[in-house]
PDB file of all heavy atoms in Angstrom:
ATOM      1  N   ASP A   1       0.424  23.649   1.207  1.00  0.00           N
ATOM      2  CA  ASP A   1       0.805  24.838   1.963  1.00  0.00           C
ATOM      3  C   ASP A   1      -0.364  25.172   2.885  1.00  0.00           C
ATOM      4  O   ASP A   1      -1.506  24.790   2.611  1.00  0.00           O
ATOM      5  CB  ASP A   1       1.089  26.002   0.995  1.00  0.00           C
ATOM      6  CG  ASP A   1       1.676  27.220   1.714  1.00  0.00           C
ATOM      7  OD1 ASP A   1       2.176  27.057   2.843  1.00  0.00           O
ATOM      8  OD2 ASP A   1       1.638  28.321   1.130  1.00  0.00           O
ATOM      9  N   GLU A   2      -0.064  25.857   3.977  1.00  0.00           N
ATOM     10  CA  GLU A   2      -1.120  26.266   4.919  1.00  0.00           C
ATOM     11  C   GLU A   2      -2.010  25.079   5.298  1.00  0.00           C
ATOM     12  O   GLU A   2      -3.238  25.166   5.291  1.00  0.00           O
ATOM     13  CB  GLU A   2      -1.987  27.391   4.311  1.00  0.00           C
ATOM     14  CG  GLU A   2      -1.230  28.664   3.999  1.00  0.00           C
ATOM     15  CD  GLU A   2      -0.829  29.467   5.228  1.00  0.00           C
ATOM     16  OE1 GLU A   2      -1.244  29.104   6.355  1.00  0.00           O
ATOM     17  OE2 GLU A   2      -0.087  30.450   5.063  1.00  0.00           O
ATOM     18  N   VAL A   3      -1.366  23.963   5.645  1.00  0.00           N
ATOM     19  CA  VAL A   3      -2.119  22.774   6.061  1.00  0.00           C
ATOM     20  C   VAL A   3      -2.863  23.096   7.357  1.00  0.00           C
ATOM     21  O   VAL A   3      -2.298  23.693   8.276  1.00  0.00           O
ATOM     22  CB  VAL A   3      -1.177  21.575   6.257  1.00  0.00           C
ATOM     23  CG1 VAL A   3      -1.935  20.367   6.786  1.00  0.00           C
ATOM     24  CG2 VAL A   3      -0.482  21.230   4.940  1.00  0.00           C
ATOM     25  N   GLY A   4      -4.131  22.705   7.411  1.00  0.00           N
ATOM     26  CA  GLY A   4      -4.948  23.047   8.580  1.00  0.00           C
ATOM     27  C   GLY A   4      -5.677  21.854   9.175  1.00  0.00           C
ATOM     28  O   GLY A   4      -6.907  21.862   9.289  1.00  0.00           O
ATOM     29  N   CYS A   5      -4.946  20.812   9.558  1.00  0.00           N
ATOM     30  CA  CYS A   5      -5.575  19.652  10.193  1.00  0.00           C
ATOM     31  C   CYS A   5      -6.112  20.038  11.570  1.00  0.00           C
ATOM     32  O   CYS A   5      -5.525  20.880  12.262  1.00  0.00           O
ATOM     33  CB  CYS A   5      -4.578  18.520  10.390  1.00  0.00           C
ATOM     34  SG  CYS A   5      -3.730  17.947   8.908  1.00  0.00           S
ATOM     35  N   GLU A   6      -7.187  19.388  11.970  1.00  0.00           N
ATOM     36  CA  GLU A   6      -7.659  19.545  13.349  1.00  0.00           C
ATOM     37  C   GLU A   6      -7.003  18.519  14.256  1.00  0.00           C
ATOM     38  O   GLU A   6      -6.998  18.670  15.477  1.00  0.00           O
ATOM     39  CB  GLU A   6      -9.182  19.404  13.396  1.00  0.00           C
ATOM     40  CG  GLU A   6      -9.888  20.589  12.743  1.00  0.00           C
ATOM     41  CD  GLU A   6     -11.396  20.424  12.715  1.00  0.00           C
ATOM     42  OE1 GLU A   6     -11.940  19.703  13.581  1.00  0.00           O
ATOM     43  OE2 GLU A   6     -12.018  21.005  11.818  1.00  0.00           O
ATOM     44  N   GLY A   7      -6.456  17.467  13.673  1.00  0.00           N
ATOM     45  CA  GLY A   7      -5.733  16.469  14.452  1.00  0.00           C
ATOM     46  C   GLY A   7      -6.401  15.113  14.493  1.00  0.00           C
ATOM     47  O   GLY A   7      -5.771  14.115  14.848  1.00  0.00           O
ATOM     48  N   HIS A   8      -7.683  15.047  14.128  1.00  0.00           N
ATOM     49  CA  HIS A   8      -8.408  13.769  14.181  1.00  0.00           C
ATOM     50  C   HIS A   8      -8.453  13.073  12.824  1.00  0.00           C
ATOM     51  O   HIS A   8      -8.900  11.933  12.718  1.00  0.00           O
ATOM     52  CB  HIS A   8      -9.843  13.996  14.674  1.00  0.00           C
ATOM     53  CG  HIS A   8     -10.613  14.948  13.793  1.00  0.00           C
ATOM     54  ND1 HIS A   8     -11.120  14.577  12.566  1.00  0.00           N
ATOM     55  CD2 HIS A   8     -10.905  16.264  13.957  1.00  0.00           C
ATOM     56  CE1 HIS A   8     -11.716  15.629  12.017  1.00  0.00           C
ATOM     57  NE2 HIS A   8     -11.594  16.667  12.827  1.00  0.00           N
ATOM     58  N   GLU A   9      -8.019  13.768  11.756  1.00  0.00           N
ATOM     59  CA  GLU A   9      -8.096  13.201  10.407  1.00  0.00           C
ATOM     60  C   GLU A   9      -7.263  11.918  10.310  1.00  0.00           C
ATOM     61  O   GLU A   9      -6.240  11.779  10.983  1.00  0.00           O
ATOM     62  CB  GLU A   9      -7.594  14.208   9.369  1.00  0.00           C
ATOM     63  CG  GLU A   9      -8.464  15.451   9.245  1.00  0.00           C
ATOM     64  CD  GLU A   9      -8.092  16.566  10.214  1.00  0.00           C
ATOM     65  OE1 GLU A   9      -7.253  16.334  11.116  1.00  0.00           O
ATOM     66  OE2 GLU A   9      -8.627  17.668  10.071  1.00  0.00           O
ATOM     67  N   ARG A  10      -7.710  11.008   9.462  1.00  0.00           N
ATOM     68  CA  ARG A  10      -6.998   9.738   9.325  1.00  0.00           C
ATOM     69  C   ARG A  10      -5.821   9.840   8.376  1.00  0.00           C
ATOM     70  O   ARG A  10      -4.858   9.078   8.489  1.00  0.00           O
ATOM     71  CB  ARG A  10      -7.958   8.648   8.850  1.00  0.00           C
ATOM     72  CG  ARG A  10      -8.961   8.261   9.917  1.00  0.00           C
ATOM     73  CD  ARG A  10      -9.833   7.114   9.459  1.00  0.00           C
ATOM     74  NE  ARG A  10      -9.016   6.058   8.862  1.00  0.00           N
ATOM     75  CZ  ARG A  10      -9.487   4.867   8.520  1.00  0.00           C
ATOM     76  NH1 ARG A  10     -10.751   4.594   8.715  1.00  0.00           N
ATOM     77  NH2 ARG A  10      -8.702   3.957   7.978  1.00  0.00           N
ATOM     78  N   GLU A  11      -5.884  10.776   7.415  1.00  0.00           N
ATOM     79  CA  GLU A  11      -4.800  10.939   6.455  1.00  0.00           C
ATOM     80  C   GLU A  11      -4.566  12.423   6.190  1.00  0.00           C
ATOM     81  O   GLU A  11      -5.492  13.230   6.266  1.00  0.00           O
ATOM     82  CB  GLU A  11      -5.149  10.242   5.129  1.00  0.00           C
ATOM     83  CG  GLU A  11      -5.319   8.746   5.270  1.00  0.00           C
ATOM     84  CD  GLU A  11      -5.296   8.045   3.929  1.00  0.00           C
ATOM     85  OE1 GLU A  11      -5.662   8.689   2.923  1.00  0.00           O
ATOM     86  OE2 GLU A  11      -4.910   6.868   3.896  1.00  0.00           O
ATOM     87  N   LEU A  12      -3.330  12.752   5.856  1.00  0.00           N
ATOM     88  CA  LEU A  12      -2.973  14.144   5.584  1.00  0.00           C
ATOM     89  C   LEU A  12      -3.792  14.714   4.419  1.00  0.00           C
ATOM     90  O   LEU A  12      -4.114  15.902   4.405  1.00  0.00           O
ATOM     91  CB  LEU A  12      -1.477  14.233   5.286  1.00  0.00           C
ATOM     92  CG  LEU A  12      -0.862  15.635   5.225  1.00  0.00           C
ATOM     93  CD1 LEU A  12      -1.038  16.365   6.549  1.00  0.00           C
ATOM     94  CD2 LEU A  12       0.612  15.556   4.856  1.00  0.00           C
ATOM     95  N   TRP A  13      -4.161  13.842   3.459  1.00  0.00           N
ATOM     96  CA  TRP A  13      -4.952  14.289   2.299  1.00  0.00           C
ATOM     97  C   TRP A  13      -6.275  14.910   2.714  1.00  0.00           C
ATOM     98  O   TRP A  13      -6.835  15.735   1.999  1.00  0.00           O
ATOM     99  CB  TRP A  13      -5.278  13.108   1.377  1.00  0.00           C
ATOM    100  CG  TRP A  13      -4.102  12.301   0.961  1.00  0.00           C
ATOM    101  CD1 TRP A  13      -3.798  11.044   1.383  1.00  0.00           C
ATOM    102  CD2 TRP A  13      -3.078  12.661   0.029  1.00  0.00           C
ATOM    103  NE1 TRP A  13      -2.646  10.605   0.775  1.00  0.00           N
ATOM    104  CE2 TRP A  13      -2.184  11.581  -0.055  1.00  0.00           C
ATOM    105  CE3 TRP A  13      -2.844  13.806  -0.737  1.00  0.00           C
ATOM    106  CZ2 TRP A  13      -1.061  11.590  -0.878  1.00  0.00           C
ATOM    107  CZ3 TRP A  13      -1.723  13.815  -1.546  1.00  0.00           C
ATOM    108  CH2 TRP A  13      -0.842  12.729  -1.620  1.00  0.00           C
ATOM    109  N   GLU A  14      -6.831  14.468   3.845  1.00  0.00           N
ATOM    110  CA  GLU A  14      -8.160  14.918   4.262  1.00  0.00           C
ATOM    111  C   GLU A  14      -8.146  16.332   4.851  1.00  0.00           C
ATOM    112  O   GLU A  14      -9.194  16.942   5.024  1.00  0.00           O
ATOM    113  CB  GLU A  14      -8.735  13.964   5.324  1.00  0.00           C
ATOM    114  CG  GLU A  14      -8.995  12.561   4.816  1.00  0.00           C
ATOM    115  CD  GLU A  14      -9.401  11.609   5.935  1.00  0.00           C
ATOM    116  OE1 GLU A  14      -9.839  12.092   7.011  1.00  0.00           O
ATOM    117  OE2 GLU A  14      -9.269  10.389   5.751  1.00  0.00           O
ATOM    118  N   CYS A  15      -6.968  16.833   5.182  1.00  0.00           N
ATOM    119  CA  CYS A  15      -6.883  18.136   5.838  1.00  0.00           C
ATOM    120  C   CYS A  15      -7.004  19.258   4.816  1.00  0.00           C
ATOM    121  O   CYS A  15      -6.471  19.160   3.701  1.00  0.00           O
ATOM    122  CB  CYS A  15      -5.548  18.282   6.562  1.00  0.00           C
ATOM    123  SG  CYS A  15      -5.276  17.017   7.811  1.00  0.00           S
ATOM    124  N   PRO A  16      -7.680  20.348   5.178  1.00  0.00           N
ATOM    125  CA  PRO A  16      -7.697  21.499   4.278  1.00  0.00           C
ATOM    126  C   PRO A  16      -6.284  22.043   4.072  1.00  0.00           C
ATOM    127  O   PRO A  16      -5.473  22.038   5.000  1.00  0.00           O
ATOM    128  CB  PRO A  16      -8.577  22.515   5.011  1.00  0.00           C
ATOM    129  CG  PRO A  16      -8.654  22.061   6.424  1.00  0.00           C
ATOM    130  CD  PRO A  16      -8.419  20.581   6.425  1.00  0.00           C
ATOM    131  N   ALA A  17      -5.992  22.460   2.843  1.00  0.00           N
ATOM    132  CA  ALA A  17      -4.661  22.997   2.532  1.00  0.00           C
ATOM    133  C   ALA A  17      -4.740  23.790   1.244  1.00  0.00           C
ATOM    134  O   ALA A  17      -5.654  23.605   0.443  1.00  0.00           O
ATOM    135  CB  ALA A  17      -3.646  21.871   2.380  1.00  0.00           C
ATOM    136  N   GLU A  18      -3.767  24.677   1.068  1.00  0.00           N
ATOM    137  CA  GLU A  18      -3.642  25.409  -0.198  1.00  0.00           C
ATOM    138  C   GLU A  18      -2.775  24.588  -1.147  1.00  0.00           C
ATOM    139  O   GLU A  18      -1.752  24.025  -0.740  1.00  0.00           O
ATOM    140  CB  GLU A  18      -2.969  26.765   0.043  1.00  0.00           C
ATOM    141  CG  GLU A  18      -3.769  27.704   0.926  1.00  0.00           C
ATOM    142  CD  GLU A  18      -5.053  28.171   0.270  1.00  0.00           C
ATOM    143  OE1 GLU A  18      -5.056  28.336  -0.972  1.00  0.00           O
ATOM    144  OE2 GLU A  18      -6.055  28.336   0.985  1.00  0.00           O
ATOM    145  N   LEU A  19      -3.160  24.512  -2.390  1.00  0.00           N
ATOM    146  CA  LEU A  19      -2.349  23.813  -3.383  1.00  0.00           C
ATOM    147  C   LEU A  19      -1.399  24.776  -4.090  1.00  0.00           C
ATOM    148  O   LEU A  19      -0.356  24.378  -4.596  1.00  0.00           O
ATOM    149  CB  LEU A  19      -3.243  23.095  -4.398  1.00  0.00           C
ATOM    150  CG  LEU A  19      -4.240  22.110  -3.766  1.00  0.00           C
ATOM    151  CD1 LEU A  19      -5.066  21.421  -4.829  1.00  0.00           C
ATOM    152  CD2 LEU A  19      -3.513  21.074  -2.920  1.00  0.00           C
ATOM    153  N   GLU A  20      -1.758  26.066  -4.123  1.00  0.00           N
ATOM    154  CA  GLU A  20      -0.834  27.088  -4.624  1.00  0.00           C
ATOM    155  C   GLU A  20       0.042  27.519  -3.444  1.00  0.00           C
ATOM    156  O   GLU A  20      -0.417  27.544  -2.306  1.00  0.00           O
ATOM    157  CB  GLU A  20      -1.614  28.299  -5.145  1.00  0.00           C
ATOM    158  CG  GLU A  20      -2.568  27.979  -6.282  1.00  0.00           C
ATOM    159  CD  GLU A  20      -1.810  27.551  -7.538  1.00  0.00           C
ATOM    160  OE1 GLU A  20      -0.848  28.246  -7.904  1.00  0.00           O
ATOM    161  OE2 GLU A  20      -2.169  26.516  -8.121  1.00  0.00           O
ATOM    162  N   HIS A  21       1.272  27.868  -3.727  1.00  0.00           N
ATOM    163  CA  HIS A  21       2.150  28.248  -2.612  1.00  0.00           C
ATOM    164  C   HIS A  21       3.161  29.295  -3.074  1.00  0.00           C
ATOM    165  O   HIS A  21       3.392  29.469  -4.268  1.00  0.00           O
ATOM    166  CB  HIS A  21       2.896  27.023  -2.077  1.00  0.00           C
ATOM    167  CG  HIS A  21       3.881  26.461  -3.078  1.00  0.00           C
ATOM    168  ND1 HIS A  21       5.143  26.954  -3.216  1.00  0.00           N
ATOM    169  CD2 HIS A  21       3.753  25.464  -3.994  1.00  0.00           C
ATOM    170  CE1 HIS A  21       5.770  26.296  -4.170  1.00  0.00           C
ATOM    171  NE2 HIS A  21       4.948  25.384  -4.666  1.00  0.00           N
ATOM    172  N   ASP A  22       3.771  29.976  -2.097  1.00  0.00           N
ATOM    173  CA  ASP A  22       4.873  30.892  -2.399  1.00  0.00           C
ATOM    174  C   ASP A  22       6.075  30.468  -1.567  1.00  0.00           C
ATOM    175  O   ASP A  22       6.735  31.280  -0.934  1.00  0.00           O
ATOM    176  CB  ASP A  22       4.468  32.343  -2.085  1.00  0.00           C
ATOM    177  CG  ASP A  22       3.909  32.495  -0.679  1.00  0.00           C
ATOM    178  OD1 ASP A  22       3.864  31.488   0.050  1.00  0.00           O
ATOM    179  OD2 ASP A  22       3.544  33.625  -0.306  1.00  0.00           O
ATOM    180  N   CYS A  23       6.325  29.163  -1.532  1.00  0.00           N
ATOM    181  CA  CYS A  23       7.359  28.595  -0.655  1.00  0.00           C
ATOM    182  C   CYS A  23       8.544  28.103  -1.481  1.00  0.00           C
ATOM    183  O   CYS A  23       8.421  27.897  -2.683  1.00  0.00           O
ATOM    184  CB  CYS A  23       6.801  27.405   0.116  1.00  0.00           C
ATOM    185  SG  CYS A  23       5.330  27.803   1.083  1.00  0.00           S
ATOM    186  N   SER A  24       9.656  27.878  -0.804  1.00  0.00           N
ATOM    187  CA  SER A  24      10.785  27.167  -1.407  1.00  0.00           C
ATOM    188  C   SER A  24      11.124  26.007  -0.475  1.00  0.00           C
ATOM    189  O   SER A  24      10.582  25.906   0.628  1.00  0.00           O
ATOM    190  CB  SER A  24      11.993  28.090  -1.569  1.00  0.00           C
ATOM    191  OG  SER A  24      12.560  28.375  -0.314  1.00  0.00           O
ATOM    192  N   HIS A  25      12.048  25.138  -0.905  1.00  0.00           N
ATOM    193  CA  HIS A  25      12.365  23.958  -0.103  1.00  0.00           C
ATOM    194  C   HIS A  25      13.041  24.290   1.219  1.00  0.00           C
ATOM    195  O   HIS A  25      13.163  23.429   2.077  1.00  0.00           O
ATOM    196  CB  HIS A  25      13.190  22.963  -0.923  1.00  0.00           C
ATOM    197  CG  HIS A  25      12.357  22.158  -1.885  1.00  0.00           C
ATOM    198  ND1 HIS A  25      11.368  21.308  -1.470  1.00  0.00           N
ATOM    199  CD2 HIS A  25      12.365  22.103  -3.237  1.00  0.00           C
ATOM    200  CE1 HIS A  25      10.793  20.743  -2.532  1.00  0.00           C
ATOM    201  NE2 HIS A  25      11.380  21.215  -3.615  1.00  0.00           N
ATOM    202  N   LYS A  26      13.474  25.550   1.400  1.00  0.00           N
ATOM    203  CA  LYS A  26      14.034  25.890   2.708  1.00  0.00           C
ATOM    204  C   LYS A  26      12.944  25.987   3.768  1.00  0.00           C
ATOM    205  O   LYS A  26      13.231  26.132   4.950  1.00  0.00           O
ATOM    206  CB  LYS A  26      14.866  27.166   2.634  1.00  0.00           C
ATOM    207  CG  LYS A  26      14.093  28.452   2.408  1.00  0.00           C
ATOM    208  CD  LYS A  26      15.051  29.652   2.539  1.00  0.00           C
ATOM    209  CE  LYS A  26      14.315  30.977   2.535  1.00  0.00           C
ATOM    210  NZ  LYS A  26      13.842  31.351   1.175  1.00  0.00           N
ATOM    211  N   GLU A  27      11.679  25.872   3.346  1.00  0.00           N
ATOM    212  CA  GLU A  27      10.553  25.894   4.277  1.00  0.00           C
ATOM    213  C   GLU A  27       9.886  24.521   4.399  1.00  0.00           C
ATOM    214  O   GLU A  27       8.741  24.421   4.827  1.00  0.00           O
ATOM    215  CB  GLU A  27       9.504  26.913   3.808  1.00  0.00           C
ATOM    216  CG  GLU A  27       9.992  28.350   3.812  1.00  0.00           C
ATOM    217  CD  GLU A  27       9.016  29.268   3.093  1.00  0.00           C
ATOM    218  OE1 GLU A  27       8.043  29.703   3.739  1.00  0.00           O
ATOM    219  OE2 GLU A  27       9.212  29.532   1.898  1.00  0.00           O
TER     220      GLU A  27
END
């Protein structure tokens, strides 16, 4: 959740993100 890539990262894993979320699959 709240993925914050700058755009130059090689993999999505490298981007800062929240692991806790308040989302459902409709998002």
